Amino acid sequence: MVHSSSPLPLPPQALLRFLRQDLGLSENALALGLRQAAQERAPLPVVLWRYGLLSLEQLEQVLQWQDSDG
């Protein structure tokens, strides 16, 4: 778990759209990921992967998407 005194900013809407539309993540999965990411002050894609909501391949797709589009 990462500890920091300042909260992470909310993920961009484009990332949430990518997770929903391109990777097919459910609203419930996203809600859990957002809650945990805020609580742990950790990046959303990593939290989703760690909780088994994204496969390693999907995590790599998100990271590549962020490098190119985000």
PDB file of N, CA and C in Angstrom:
ATOM      1  N   MET A   1       0.848  -1.173   0.000  1.00  0.00           N
ATOM      2  CA  MET A   1       0.000   0.000   0.000  1.00  0.00           C
ATOM      3  C   MET A   1       0.892   1.234   0.000  1.00  0.00           C
ATOM      4  N   VAL A   2       0.499   2.217  -0.793  1.00  0.00           N
ATOM      5  CA  VAL A   2       1.229   3.472  -0.888  1.00  0.00           C
ATOM      6  C   VAL A   2       0.598   4.470   0.077  1.00  0.00           C
ATOM      7  N   HIS A   3       1.415   5.147   0.855  1.00  0.00           N
ATOM      8  CA  HIS A   3       0.904   6.162   1.774  1.00  0.00           C
ATOM      9  C   HIS A   3       1.399   7.527   1.343  1.00  0.00           C
ATOM     10  N   SER A   4       0.481   8.462   1.285  1.00  0.00           N
ATOM     11  CA  SER A   4       0.799   9.823   0.889  1.00  0.00           C
ATOM     12  C   SER A   4      -0.137  10.757   1.624  1.00  0.00           C
ATOM     13  N   SER A   5       0.302  11.976   1.836  1.00  0.00           N
ATOM     14  CA  SER A   5      -0.543  12.924   2.562  1.00  0.00           C
ATOM     15  C   SER A   5      -1.569  13.596   1.658  1.00  0.00           C
ATOM     16  N   SER A   6      -1.367  13.551   0.348  1.00  0.00           N
ATOM     17  CA  SER A   6      -2.326  14.197  -0.546  1.00  0.00           C
ATOM     18  C   SER A   6      -3.020  13.150  -1.409  1.00  0.00           C
ATOM     19  N   PRO A   7      -4.316  13.325  -1.627  1.00  0.00           N
ATOM     20  CA  PRO A   7      -5.050  12.349  -2.444  1.00  0.00           C
ATOM     21  C   PRO A   7      -4.658  12.452  -3.916  1.00  0.00           C
ATOM     22  N   LEU A   8      -4.790  11.335  -4.608  1.00  0.00           N
ATOM     23  CA  LEU A   8      -4.561  11.340  -6.050  1.00  0.00           C
ATOM     24  C   LEU A   8      -5.740  12.020  -6.734  1.00  0.00           C
ATOM     25  N   PRO A   9      -5.501  12.695  -7.841  1.00  0.00           N
ATOM     26  CA  PRO A   9      -6.639  13.265  -8.591  1.00  0.00           C
ATOM     27  C   PRO A   9      -7.506  12.144  -9.154  1.00  0.00           C
ATOM     28  N   LEU A  10      -8.756  12.464  -9.422  1.00  0.00           N
ATOM     29  CA  LEU A  10      -9.650  11.477 -10.038  1.00  0.00           C
ATOM     30  C   LEU A  10      -9.109  11.108 -11.416  1.00  0.00           C
ATOM     31  N   PRO A  11      -9.285   9.852 -11.806  1.00  0.00           N
ATOM     32  CA  PRO A  11      -8.827   9.450 -13.138  1.00  0.00           C
ATOM     33  C   PRO A  11      -9.584  10.229 -14.219  1.00  0.00           C
ATOM     34  N   PRO A  12      -8.938  10.494 -15.337  1.00  0.00           N
ATOM     35  CA  PRO A  12      -9.609  11.205 -16.437  1.00  0.00           C
ATOM     36  C   PRO A  12     -10.814  10.415 -16.954  1.00  0.00           C
ATOM     37  N   GLN A  13     -11.826  11.133 -17.404  1.00  0.00           N
ATOM     38  CA  GLN A  13     -13.021  10.492 -17.961  1.00  0.00           C
ATOM     39  C   GLN A  13     -12.663   9.610 -19.159  1.00  0.00           C
ATOM     40  N   ALA A  14     -11.653   9.999 -19.916  1.00  0.00           N
ATOM     41  CA  ALA A  14     -11.235   9.197 -21.074  1.00  0.00           C
ATOM     42  C   ALA A  14     -10.754   7.813 -20.629  1.00  0.00           C
ATOM     43  N   LEU A  15     -10.053   7.744 -19.509  1.00  0.00           N
ATOM     44  CA  LEU A  15      -9.591   6.455 -18.986  1.00  0.00           C
ATOM     45  C   LEU A  15     -10.791   5.611 -18.554  1.00  0.00           C
ATOM     46  N   LEU A  16     -11.726   6.214 -17.841  1.00  0.00           N
ATOM     47  CA  LEU A  16     -12.907   5.475 -17.402  1.00  0.00           C
ATOM     48  C   LEU A  16     -13.702   4.962 -18.602  1.00  0.00           C
ATOM     49  N   ARG A  17     -13.810   5.781 -19.635  1.00  0.00           N
ATOM     50  CA  ARG A  17     -14.497   5.386 -20.873  1.00  0.00           C
ATOM     51  C   ARG A  17     -13.771   4.202 -21.528  1.00  0.00           C
ATOM     52  N   PHE A  18     -12.446   4.268 -21.589  1.00  0.00           N
ATOM     53  CA  PHE A  18     -11.653   3.182 -22.162  1.00  0.00           C
ATOM     54  C   PHE A  18     -11.879   1.881 -21.380  1.00  0.00           C
ATOM     55  N   LEU A  19     -11.862   1.985 -20.067  1.00  0.00           N
ATOM     56  CA  LEU A  19     -12.059   0.794 -19.239  1.00  0.00           C
ATOM     57  C   LEU A  19     -13.449   0.189 -19.455  1.00  0.00           C
ATOM     58  N   ARG A  20     -14.448   1.038 -19.571  1.00  0.00           N
ATOM     59  CA  ARG A  20     -15.822   0.559 -19.786  1.00  0.00           C
ATOM     60  C   ARG A  20     -16.006   0.011 -21.201  1.00  0.00           C
ATOM     61  N   GLN A  21     -15.689   0.827 -22.185  1.00  0.00           N
ATOM     62  CA  GLN A  21     -16.036   0.504 -23.574  1.00  0.00           C
ATOM     63  C   GLN A  21     -15.074  -0.488 -24.222  1.00  0.00           C
ATOM     64  N   ASP A  22     -13.787  -0.276 -24.047  1.00  0.00           N
ATOM     65  CA  ASP A  22     -12.814  -1.118 -24.736  1.00  0.00           C
ATOM     66  C   ASP A  22     -12.504  -2.406 -23.976  1.00  0.00           C
ATOM     67  N   LEU A  23     -12.485  -2.326 -22.644  1.00  0.00           N
ATOM     68  CA  LEU A  23     -12.148  -3.511 -21.857  1.00  0.00           C
ATOM     69  C   LEU A  23     -13.366  -4.167 -21.222  1.00  0.00           C
ATOM     70  N   GLY A  24     -14.523  -3.517 -21.304  1.00  0.00           N
ATOM     71  CA  GLY A  24     -15.757  -4.124 -20.814  1.00  0.00           C
ATOM     72  C   GLY A  24     -15.899  -4.203 -19.308  1.00  0.00           C
ATOM     73  N   LEU A  25     -15.217  -3.317 -18.584  1.00  0.00           N
ATOM     74  CA  LEU A  25     -15.336  -3.326 -17.118  1.00  0.00           C
ATOM     75  C   LEU A  25     -16.729  -2.861 -16.709  1.00  0.00           C
ATOM     76  N   SER A  26     -17.286  -3.509 -15.722  1.00  0.00           N
ATOM     77  CA  SER A  26     -18.617  -3.145 -15.238  1.00  0.00           C
ATOM     78  C   SER A  26     -18.542  -1.912 -14.337  1.00  0.00           C
ATOM     79  N   GLU A  27     -19.685  -1.298 -14.136  1.00  0.00           N
ATOM     80  CA  GLU A  27     -19.763  -0.143 -13.232  1.00  0.00           C
ATOM     81  C   GLU A  27     -19.375  -0.546 -11.808  1.00  0.00           C
ATOM     82  N   ASN A  28     -19.771  -1.755 -11.403  1.00  0.00           N
ATOM     83  CA  ASN A  28     -19.432  -2.219 -10.055  1.00  0.00           C
ATOM     84  C   ASN A  28     -17.923  -2.393  -9.890  1.00  0.00           C
ATOM     85  N   ALA A  29     -17.278  -2.949 -10.906  1.00  0.00           N
ATOM     86  CA  ALA A  29     -15.831  -3.123 -10.856  1.00  0.00           C
ATOM     87  C   ALA A  29     -15.132  -1.769 -10.791  1.00  0.00           C
ATOM     88  N   LEU A  30     -15.608  -0.827 -11.603  1.00  0.00           N
ATOM     89  CA  LEU A  30     -15.018   0.516 -11.582  1.00  0.00           C
ATOM     90  C   LEU A  30     -15.234   1.196 -10.234  1.00  0.00           C
ATOM     91  N   ALA A  31     -16.423   1.057  -9.678  1.00  0.00           N
ATOM     92  CA  ALA A  31     -16.710   1.677  -8.383  1.00  0.00           C
ATOM     93  C   ALA A  31     -15.785   1.119  -7.306  1.00  0.00           C
ATOM     94  N   LEU A  32     -15.605  -0.196  -7.300  1.00  0.00           N
ATOM     95  CA  LEU A  32     -14.686  -0.810  -6.329  1.00  0.00           C
ATOM     96  C   LEU A  32     -13.269  -0.293  -6.544  1.00  0.00           C
ATOM     97  N   GLY A  33     -12.827  -0.274  -7.799  1.00  0.00           N
ATOM     98  CA  GLY A  33     -11.483   0.196  -8.103  1.00  0.00           C
ATOM     99  C   GLY A  33     -11.270   1.643  -7.689  1.00  0.00           C
ATOM    100  N   LEU A  34     -12.243   2.493  -7.977  1.00  0.00           N
ATOM    101  CA  LEU A  34     -12.125   3.911  -7.611  1.00  0.00           C
ATOM    102  C   LEU A  34     -12.060   4.087  -6.094  1.00  0.00           C
ATOM    103  N   ARG A  35     -12.896   3.338  -5.375  1.00  0.00           N
ATOM    104  CA  ARG A  35     -12.876   3.413  -3.909  1.00  0.00           C
ATOM    105  C   ARG A  35     -11.529   2.983  -3.350  1.00  0.00           C
ATOM    106  N   GLN A  36     -11.044   1.842  -3.837  1.00  0.00           N
ATOM    107  CA  GLN A  36      -9.773   1.321  -3.334  1.00  0.00           C
ATOM    108  C   GLN A  36      -8.599   2.207  -3.742  1.00  0.00           C
ATOM    109  N   ALA A  37      -8.625   2.715  -4.960  1.00  0.00           N
ATOM    110  CA  ALA A  37      -7.545   3.594  -5.422  1.00  0.00           C
ATOM    111  C   ALA A  37      -7.477   4.848  -4.560  1.00  0.00           C
ATOM    112  N   ALA A  38      -8.641   5.408  -4.218  1.00  0.00           N
ATOM    113  CA  ALA A  38      -8.670   6.603  -3.372  1.00  0.00           C
ATOM    114  C   ALA A  38      -8.185   6.274  -1.964  1.00  0.00           C
ATOM    115  N   GLN A  39      -8.643   5.155  -1.435  1.00  0.00           N
ATOM    116  CA  GLN A  39      -8.259   4.764  -0.079  1.00  0.00           C
ATOM    117  C   GLN A  39      -6.765   4.481   0.013  1.00  0.00           C
ATOM    118  N   GLU A  40      -6.237   3.804  -0.982  1.00  0.00           N
ATOM    119  CA  GLU A  40      -4.817   3.418  -0.977  1.00  0.00           C
ATOM    120  C   GLU A  40      -3.916   4.457  -1.622  1.00  0.00           C
ATOM    121  N   ARG A  41      -4.531   5.469  -2.259  1.00  0.00           N
ATOM    122  CA  ARG A  41      -3.774   6.493  -2.994  1.00  0.00           C
ATOM    123  C   ARG A  41      -2.849   5.829  -4.020  1.00  0.00           C
ATOM    124  N   ALA A  42      -3.465   4.947  -4.796  1.00  0.00           N
ATOM    125  CA  ALA A  42      -2.732   4.176  -5.800  1.00  0.00           C
ATOM    126  C   ALA A  42      -3.396   4.369  -7.161  1.00  0.00           C
ATOM    127  N   PRO A  43      -2.653   4.186  -8.243  1.00  0.00           N
ATOM    128  CA  PRO A  43      -3.229   4.344  -9.587  1.00  0.00           C
ATOM    129  C   PRO A  43      -4.350   3.326  -9.837  1.00  0.00           C
ATOM    130  N   LEU A  44      -5.438   3.799 -10.414  1.00  0.00           N
ATOM    131  CA  LEU A  44      -6.610   2.961 -10.671  1.00  0.00           C
ATOM    132  C   LEU A  44      -6.274   1.688 -11.446  1.00  0.00           C
ATOM    133  N   PRO A  45      -5.547   1.747 -12.570  1.00  0.00           N
ATOM    134  CA  PRO A  45      -5.287   0.506 -13.315  1.00  0.00           C
ATOM    135  C   PRO A  45      -4.561  -0.551 -12.480  1.00  0.00           C
ATOM    136  N   VAL A  46      -3.629  -0.130 -11.651  1.00  0.00           N
ATOM    137  CA  VAL A  46      -2.885  -1.072 -10.816  1.00  0.00           C
ATOM    138  C   VAL A  46      -3.807  -1.696  -9.777  1.00  0.00           C
ATOM    139  N   VAL A  47      -4.676  -0.891  -9.195  1.00  0.00           N
ATOM    140  CA  VAL A  47      -5.635  -1.405  -8.209  1.00  0.00           C
ATOM    141  C   VAL A  47      -6.576  -2.409  -8.874  1.00  0.00           C
ATOM    142  N   LEU A  48      -7.085  -2.083 -10.048  1.00  0.00           N
ATOM    143  CA  LEU A  48      -7.968  -3.004 -10.752  1.00  0.00           C
ATOM    144  C   LEU A  48      -7.276  -4.326 -11.043  1.00  0.00           C
ATOM    145  N   TRP A  49      -6.029  -4.273 -11.439  1.00  0.00           N
ATOM    146  CA  TRP A  49      -5.254  -5.490 -11.705  1.00  0.00           C
ATOM    147  C   TRP A  49      -5.030  -6.276 -10.422  1.00  0.00           C
ATOM    148  N   ARG A  50      -4.641  -5.584  -9.371  1.00  0.00           N
ATOM    149  CA  ARG A  50      -4.335  -6.254  -8.107  1.00  0.00           C
ATOM    150  C   ARG A  50      -5.565  -6.976  -7.541  1.00  0.00           C
ATOM    151  N   TYR A  51      -6.746  -6.421  -7.764  1.00  0.00           N
ATOM    152  CA  TYR A  51      -7.971  -7.057  -7.272  1.00  0.00           C
ATOM    153  C   TYR A  51      -8.545  -8.061  -8.266  1.00  0.00           C
ATOM    154  N   GLY A  52      -7.817  -8.331  -9.336  1.00  0.00           N
ATOM    155  CA  GLY A  52      -8.254  -9.332 -10.295  1.00  0.00           C
ATOM    156  C   GLY A  52      -9.338  -8.864 -11.237  1.00  0.00           C
ATOM    157  N   LEU A  53      -9.539  -7.542 -11.316  1.00  0.00           N
ATOM    158  CA  LEU A  53     -10.567  -6.989 -12.190  1.00  0.00           C
ATOM    159  C   LEU A  53     -10.038  -6.714 -13.593  1.00  0.00           C
ATOM    160  N   LEU A  54      -8.724  -6.699 -13.730  1.00  0.00           N
ATOM    161  CA  LEU A  54      -8.047  -6.628 -15.025  1.00  0.00           C
ATOM    162  C   LEU A  54      -7.021  -7.749 -15.074  1.00  0.00           C
ATOM    163  N   SER A  55      -6.885  -8.372 -16.233  1.00  0.00           N
ATOM    164  CA  SER A  55      -5.801  -9.339 -16.423  1.00  0.00           C
ATOM    165  C   SER A  55      -4.498  -8.563 -16.652  1.00  0.00           C
ATOM    166  N   LEU A  56      -3.398  -9.272 -16.603  1.00  0.00           N
ATOM    167  CA  LEU A  56      -2.111  -8.630 -16.876  1.00  0.00           C
ATOM    168  C   LEU A  56      -2.094  -8.071 -18.297  1.00  0.00           C
ATOM    169  N   GLU A  57      -2.680  -8.807 -19.229  1.00  0.00           N
ATOM    170  CA  GLU A  57      -2.754  -8.333 -20.616  1.00  0.00           C
ATOM    171  C   GLU A  57      -3.571  -7.043 -20.706  1.00  0.00           C
ATOM    172  N   GLN A  58      -4.691  -6.993 -19.993  1.00  0.00           N
ATOM    173  CA  GLN A  58      -5.518  -5.782 -19.997  1.00  0.00           C
ATOM    174  C   GLN A  58      -4.784  -4.617 -19.339  1.00  0.00           C
ATOM    175  N   LEU A  59      -4.055  -4.886 -18.263  1.00  0.00           N
ATOM    176  CA  LEU A  59      -3.266  -3.828 -17.617  1.00  0.00           C
ATOM    177  C   LEU A  59      -2.258  -3.265 -18.612  1.00  0.00           C
ATOM    178  N   GLU A  60      -1.614  -4.133 -19.366  1.00  0.00           N
ATOM    179  CA  GLU A  60      -0.661  -3.676 -20.377  1.00  0.00           C
ATOM    180  C   GLU A  60      -1.355  -2.829 -21.438  1.00  0.00           C
ATOM    181  N   GLN A  61      -2.588  -3.215 -21.831  1.00  0.00           N
ATOM    182  CA  GLN A  61      -3.347  -2.426 -22.802  1.00  0.00           C
ATOM    183  C   GLN A  61      -3.633  -1.033 -22.253  1.00  0.00           C
ATOM    184  N   VAL A  62      -3.999  -0.964 -20.976  1.00  0.00           N
ATOM    185  CA  VAL A  62      -4.284   0.337 -20.351  1.00  0.00           C
ATOM    186  C   VAL A  62      -3.023   1.189 -20.327  1.00  0.00           C
ATOM    187  N   LEU A  63      -1.906   0.605 -19.949  1.00  0.00           N
ATOM    188  CA  LEU A  63      -0.658   1.361 -19.876  1.00  0.00           C
ATOM    189  C   LEU A  63      -0.227   1.847 -21.259  1.00  0.00           C
ATOM    190  N   GLN A  64      -0.411   1.010 -22.271  1.00  0.00           N
ATOM    191  CA  GLN A  64      -0.093   1.436 -23.640  1.00  0.00           C
ATOM    192  C   GLN A  64      -1.028   2.542 -24.086  1.00  0.00           C
ATOM    193  N   TRP A  65      -2.294   2.412 -23.749  1.00  0.00           N
ATOM    194  CA  TRP A  65      -3.286   3.458 -24.089  1.00  0.00           C
ATOM    195  C   TRP A  65      -2.903   4.777 -23.415  1.00  0.00           C
ATOM    196  N   GLN A  66      -2.531   4.716 -22.148  1.00  0.00           N
ATOM    197  CA  GLN A  66      -2.139   5.932 -21.437  1.00  0.00           C
ATOM    198  C   GLN A  66      -0.908   6.560 -22.067  1.00  0.00           C
ATOM    199  N   ASP A  67       0.031   5.745 -22.494  1.00  0.00           N
ATOM    200  CA  ASP A  67       1.243   6.295 -23.135  1.00  0.00           C
ATOM    201  C   ASP A  67       0.929   6.965 -24.463  1.00  0.00           C
ATOM    202  N   SER A  68      -0.043   6.418 -25.193  1.00  0.00           N
ATOM    203  CA  SER A  68      -0.331   6.973 -26.509  1.00  0.00           C
ATOM    204  C   SER A  68      -1.431   8.040 -26.502  1.00  0.00           C
ATOM    205  N   ASP A  69      -2.492   7.822 -25.708  1.00  0.00           N
ATOM    206  CA  ASP A  69      -3.633   8.732 -25.727  1.00  0.00           C
ATOM    207  C   ASP A  69      -3.742   9.597 -24.484  1.00  0.00           C
ATOM    208  N   GLY A  70      -3.370   9.037 -23.359  1.00  0.00           N
ATOM    209  CA  GLY A  70      -3.611   9.715 -22.098  1.00  0.00           C
ATOM    210  C   GLY A  70      -2.612  10.712 -21.833  1.00  0.00           C
TER     211      GLY A  70
END
